[in-house]
Amino acid sequence: MSESRQTTRNVSSRLESMSTVRYIAIDPERLDRMRDRGADEYGNPWTLRVANGGEPLRCCLRRAEPDERIALICYTPWTQPSPWMEAGPVFVHFERCAGYETPHLYPAAFLDHDSVMNTFDHTGARAYQHITFVRPAEDHEAVIRALMAEAEVAYLHVRSAEALCFTFEVQPAA
């Protein structure tokens, strides 16, 4: 495929995605409550770490720069009890940041890693038949559009395929 056709396809893919889904980082107010308590929701101390660089930040959906002030916390995307509730380690900024400012675009920092698209139905149960593994070379946005177009899929969690840590949530655009 010619470079111009590939670029046009990529731009077209991103524009289609913009109107159909939202990419959602960890809620900044929820993180503020943890910072104010000095602990994550599981009682682990809110401890300053100095970034090596490259840590995946779930508050703003980018990679940390060397020497940034970050914290490693235990996090679950669920806010109500659920048998599907999974908690695990995630990196966030130690202090509040601007958050993820382009929720209509797939976070570019996470395109170069293997991901698991963990789908959920309208009751909040896992939609096992739609769970999908995505490689870096694949079109992440096209996969998400296809999954979100399935009648059974209400939303999904993107997770690292290596560590299975929560990365971000995808919901239909409002």
Protein backbone atom coordinates (compact mmCIF):
# COMPACT_ATOMS: atom_id res chain seq x y z
CA MET A 1 0.00 0.00 0.00
CA SER A 2 1.33 3.43 -0.84
CA GLU A 3 2.34 5.69 2.02
CA SER A 4 -0.33 8.27 1.15
CA ARG A 5 -3.08 5.60 1.01
CA GLN A 6 -1.91 4.18 4.35
CA THR A 7 -1.85 7.67 5.91
CA THR A 8 -5.34 8.37 4.54
CA ARG A 9 -6.57 5.05 5.95
CA ASN A 10 -5.06 5.82 9.38
CA VAL A 11 -6.59 9.31 9.47
CA SER A 12 -9.95 7.93 8.32
CA SER A 13 -9.79 5.21 10.98
CA ARG A 14 -9.05 7.78 13.71
CA LEU A 15 -11.88 10.06 12.54
CA GLU A 16 -14.38 7.18 12.58
CA SER A 17 -13.29 6.27 16.10
CA MET A 18 -13.69 9.86 17.30
CA SER A 19 -17.46 9.78 16.99
CA THR A 20 -18.17 6.31 18.37
CA VAL A 21 -16.18 5.75 21.57
CA ARG A 22 -14.49 7.47 24.49
CA TYR A 23 -11.13 6.39 25.95
CA ILE A 24 -11.28 6.92 29.71
CA ALA A 25 -8.34 7.27 32.09
CA ILE A 26 -8.61 6.85 35.87
CA ASP A 27 -10.98 9.47 37.30
CA PRO A 28 -8.92 12.45 38.59
CA GLU A 29 -11.31 13.07 41.50
CA ARG A 30 -10.97 9.46 42.60
CA LEU A 31 -7.19 9.83 42.52
CA ASP A 32 -7.46 13.12 44.46
CA ARG A 33 -9.34 11.32 47.24
CA MET A 34 -6.54 8.75 47.43
CA ARG A 35 -3.88 11.47 47.49
CA ASP A 36 -5.78 13.31 50.26
CA ARG A 37 -5.95 10.08 52.31
CA GLY A 38 -2.30 9.35 51.64
CA ALA A 39 -3.21 5.83 50.53
CA ASP A 40 -4.82 3.99 47.64
CA GLU A 41 -8.24 2.36 48.09
CA TYR A 42 -6.58 -0.79 49.43
CA GLY A 43 -4.63 1.00 52.17
CA ASN A 44 -1.25 1.03 50.44
CA PRO A 45 0.65 4.26 51.22
CA TRP A 46 0.69 6.94 48.51
CA THR A 47 4.45 6.83 48.04
CA LEU A 48 6.59 9.01 45.83
CA ARG A 49 8.62 7.22 43.17
CA VAL A 50 10.95 8.82 40.69
CA ALA A 51 10.20 7.56 37.19
CA ASN A 52 12.87 5.73 35.24
CA GLY A 53 10.99 6.78 32.12
CA GLY A 54 8.48 4.75 30.16
CA GLU A 55 6.16 3.78 33.02
CA PRO A 56 2.58 3.65 31.70
CA LEU A 57 0.63 6.39 33.48
CA ARG A 58 -3.08 5.57 33.81
CA CYS A 59 -4.05 9.10 34.91
CA CYS A 60 -3.13 10.79 31.62
CA LEU A 61 -2.58 7.76 29.34
CA ARG A 62 1.00 8.49 28.37
CA ARG A 63 4.46 7.20 29.29
CA ALA A 64 6.37 8.81 32.14
CA GLU A 65 9.43 10.91 31.40
CA PRO A 66 12.62 10.17 33.36
CA ASP A 67 12.60 11.77 36.82
CA GLU A 68 8.85 12.52 36.85
CA ARG A 69 7.14 12.20 40.23
CA ILE A 70 4.87 9.15 40.11
CA ALA A 71 3.17 6.67 42.44
CA LEU A 72 2.45 2.96 42.09
CA ILE A 73 -1.01 2.14 43.46
CA CYS A 74 -3.40 -0.78 43.60
CA TYR A 75 -6.44 0.06 41.47
CA THR A 76 -9.68 -1.42 40.22
CA PRO A 77 -11.89 0.33 37.67
CA TRP A 78 -15.02 -0.85 39.50
CA THR A 79 -16.65 1.47 42.00
CA GLN A 80 -19.28 -1.05 43.17
CA PRO A 81 -18.81 -4.67 44.31
CA SER A 82 -18.65 -7.06 41.40
CA PRO A 83 -17.53 -10.66 40.95
CA TRP A 84 -15.54 -9.34 37.96
CA MET A 85 -13.63 -6.87 40.11
CA GLU A 86 -9.92 -7.12 39.48
CA ALA A 87 -7.38 -4.96 41.27
CA GLY A 88 -3.75 -4.55 40.36
CA PRO A 89 -0.78 -2.22 40.24
CA VAL A 90 -0.88 0.90 38.06
CA PHE A 91 1.33 3.97 37.77
CA VAL A 92 -0.13 7.46 38.17
CA HIS A 93 1.31 10.91 38.73
CA PHE A 94 2.14 11.59 42.37
CA GLU A 95 0.44 14.99 42.11
CA ARG A 96 -2.63 15.74 40.03
CA CYS A 97 -2.00 16.11 36.30
CA ALA A 98 -4.16 17.40 33.46
CA GLY A 99 -5.57 13.91 32.84
CA TYR A 100 -6.28 12.48 29.42
CA GLU A 101 -7.26 15.42 27.24
CA THR A 102 -8.26 13.66 23.99
CA PRO A 103 -10.83 11.02 25.00
CA HIS A 104 -11.95 10.63 21.38
CA LEU A 105 -8.51 9.30 20.35
CA TYR A 106 -6.86 5.98 21.20
CA PRO A 107 -3.92 6.82 23.50
CA ALA A 108 -0.87 6.72 21.23
CA ALA A 109 1.42 5.65 24.09
CA PHE A 110 -0.35 2.28 24.21
CA LEU A 111 -0.32 1.39 20.51
CA ASP A 112 3.10 -0.28 20.69
CA HIS A 113 2.27 -3.02 23.20
CA ASP A 114 0.22 -6.20 23.17
CA SER A 115 -3.21 -5.48 24.65
CA VAL A 116 -6.24 -7.43 25.81
CA MET A 117 -9.66 -5.98 25.01
CA ASN A 118 -11.65 -7.28 27.99
CA THR A 119 -15.31 -6.91 27.03
CA PHE A 120 -18.35 -6.60 29.32
CA ASP A 121 -22.05 -6.95 28.59
CA HIS A 122 -24.95 -4.71 29.62
CA THR A 123 -25.29 -6.44 33.02
CA GLY A 124 -21.61 -5.84 33.79
CA ALA A 125 -20.65 -9.50 33.25
CA ARG A 126 -17.63 -10.39 31.19
CA ALA A 127 -18.51 -11.03 27.54
CA TYR A 128 -16.02 -13.86 27.10
CA GLN A 129 -16.84 -14.56 23.46
CA HIS A 130 -15.62 -11.07 22.51
CA ILE A 131 -12.36 -10.85 24.51
CA THR A 132 -9.69 -9.98 21.95
CA PHE A 133 -5.89 -9.86 21.97
CA VAL A 134 -4.38 -7.05 19.88
CA ARG A 135 -0.78 -6.91 18.66
CA PRO A 136 1.08 -3.61 18.10
CA ALA A 137 0.86 -3.90 14.30
CA GLU A 138 -2.93 -4.23 14.37
CA ASP A 139 -5.40 -1.35 14.10
CA HIS A 140 -6.44 -0.96 17.75
CA GLU A 141 -9.19 1.53 16.94
CA ALA A 142 -10.74 -0.73 14.30
CA VAL A 143 -10.75 -3.63 16.75
CA ILE A 144 -12.44 -1.48 19.38
CA ARG A 145 -15.03 -0.17 16.91
CA ALA A 146 -15.84 -3.76 15.89
CA LEU A 147 -16.14 -4.91 19.50
CA MET A 148 -18.26 -1.94 20.54
CA ALA A 149 -20.55 -2.59 17.54
CA GLU A 150 -21.42 -6.02 18.97
CA ALA A 151 -24.91 -5.89 20.52
CA GLU A 152 -23.72 -7.81 23.60
CA VAL A 153 -20.82 -5.43 24.38
CA ALA A 154 -21.58 -2.42 26.59
CA TYR A 155 -17.99 -1.34 27.35
CA LEU A 156 -14.51 -2.75 27.60
CA HIS A 157 -11.32 -2.51 29.60
CA VAL A 158 -8.02 -2.38 27.79
CA ARG A 159 -5.35 -4.28 29.70
CA SER A 160 -1.69 -4.98 29.19
CA ALA A 161 -1.33 -8.43 27.65
CA GLU A 162 2.04 -8.80 29.40
CA ALA A 163 1.16 -7.91 32.99
CA LEU A 164 -2.67 -7.92 32.63
CA CYS A 165 -2.81 -4.56 34.42
CA PHE A 166 -5.72 -2.22 33.73
CA THR A 167 -4.79 0.43 31.17
CA PHE A 168 -8.02 2.35 30.43
CA GLU A 169 -11.75 1.94 29.82
CA VAL A 170 -13.63 2.32 26.54
CA GLN A 171 -17.29 3.36 26.50
CA PRO A 172 -19.66 4.45 23.77
CA ALA A 173 -19.46 8.17 23.02
CA ALA A 174 -22.23 10.16 24.66
